[in-house]
Each structure stands twice: as structure tokens, then as C-alpha cells.
């Protein structure tokens, strides 16, 4: 995967779209929350439902980026 292409990708789970991704052998991993997206036939599959959550997170709402979003929404109320 081309490094320039990888630099343009962002974690689709991150509501701010600020978290970058890095590649390990068969996945792209979010630098912000640790979600891992599979790479199939050389192409990243950036579909949240196909991603592996990091240890300790049973659901996407438990991710740090989602917790920050929920806290901001509470403050606005």
C-alpha cells in the first residue's frame, strides 16, 4: 500500500476524522482508539462493522473517541 495513500486515510469510527491509521501485517490500526480494519486483496476495508475492537472494548460506544463525543454532547445540553 502506497504511503501517500495511507496518509490520506482516517479512522471512520473517529467522529472528528482526525485519527490516522498505521499498517501492520494484515490490518490498518487506528492510532487514536486501536480499532483494527482488515486488508483484503491489498485494499483496506474501512467498514466499522468489519473492524476488530481493541481489548477492553465490547462495543464501539466504549471507544475513547466515542466517549469524548458523548461527553461533548452532554455539555451542550
Protein backbone atom coordinates (compact mmCIF):
# COMPACT_ATOMS: atom_id res chain seq x y z
CA UNK A 1 0.00 0.00 0.00
CA UNK A 2 1.38 3.36 -1.03
CA UNK A 3 2.46 5.56 1.90
CA UNK A 4 0.82 8.65 0.36
CA UNK A 5 -2.47 6.80 0.09
CA UNK A 6 -2.18 5.60 3.68
CA UNK A 7 -1.54 9.18 4.84
CA UNK A 8 -4.91 10.27 3.44
CA UNK A 9 -6.91 7.61 5.29
CA UNK A 10 -8.63 8.34 8.60
CA UNK A 11 -10.44 6.13 11.06
CA UNK A 12 -14.14 6.10 10.11
CA UNK A 13 -15.13 5.50 13.74
CA UNK A 14 -13.44 8.73 14.89
CA UNK A 15 -16.17 11.41 14.78
CA UNK A 16 -13.55 14.13 14.24
CA UNK A 17 -11.83 12.17 11.44
CA UNK A 18 -8.50 13.18 12.94
CA UNK A 19 -7.10 9.77 13.90
CA UNK A 20 -4.59 8.37 11.44
CA UNK A 21 -4.04 4.72 10.62
CA UNK A 22 -0.90 2.63 10.52
CA UNK A 23 -0.38 -0.70 8.85
CA UNK A 24 0.62 -3.95 10.43
CA UNK A 25 0.69 -7.22 8.50
CA UNK A 26 -2.96 -7.73 7.64
CA UNK A 27 -4.68 -4.73 9.20
CA UNK A 28 -4.80 -0.98 9.45
CA UNK A 29 -4.91 0.13 13.07
CA UNK A 30 -6.26 3.44 14.33
CA UNK A 31 -3.63 5.43 16.20
CA UNK A 32 -6.36 7.00 18.34
CA UNK A 33 -8.55 4.15 19.51
CA UNK A 34 -6.83 0.95 18.40
CA UNK A 35 -9.63 -0.32 16.14
CA UNK A 36 -8.21 -2.66 13.50
CA UNK A 37 -9.54 -2.79 9.94
CA UNK A 38 -8.77 -5.77 7.70
CA UNK A 39 -6.82 -5.51 4.48
CA UNK A 40 -8.27 -7.80 1.81
CA UNK A 41 -6.61 -8.31 -1.56
CA UNK A 42 -4.36 -5.35 -0.80
CA UNK A 43 -7.24 -2.95 -0.10
CA UNK A 44 -8.27 -1.64 3.30
CA UNK A 45 -11.82 -2.45 4.37
CA UNK A 46 -12.76 0.63 6.39
CA UNK A 47 -16.18 -0.61 7.42
CA UNK A 48 -16.82 -0.23 11.13
CA UNK A 49 -18.88 -3.43 11.34
CA UNK A 50 -15.96 -5.44 9.90
CA UNK A 51 -13.40 -3.93 12.28
CA UNK A 52 -11.88 -5.57 15.35
CA UNK A 53 -12.29 -3.60 18.56
CA UNK A 54 -9.29 -3.25 20.88
CA UNK A 55 -9.08 -5.31 24.07
CA UNK A 56 -11.39 -4.00 26.77
CA UNK A 57 -13.94 -2.57 24.35
CA UNK A 58 -17.03 -4.68 23.92
CA UNK A 59 -18.79 -2.18 21.67
CA UNK A 60 -17.93 0.91 19.63
CA UNK A 61 -19.58 3.20 22.18
CA UNK A 62 -16.84 2.19 24.64
CA UNK A 63 -14.07 3.60 22.42
CA UNK A 64 -12.30 6.75 23.68
CA UNK A 65 -13.30 8.78 20.61
CA UNK A 66 -16.95 7.88 21.11
CA UNK A 67 -16.76 8.66 24.83
CA UNK A 68 -15.38 12.14 24.04
CA UNK A 69 -18.23 12.72 21.59
CA UNK A 70 -20.81 11.67 24.19
CA UNK A 71 -19.23 14.00 26.79
CA UNK A 72 -19.35 16.95 24.37
CA UNK A 73 -23.00 16.26 23.61
CA UNK A 74 -23.80 16.24 27.33
CA UNK A 75 -22.06 19.60 27.79
CA UNK A 76 -24.18 21.17 25.05
CA UNK A 77 -27.43 20.22 26.81
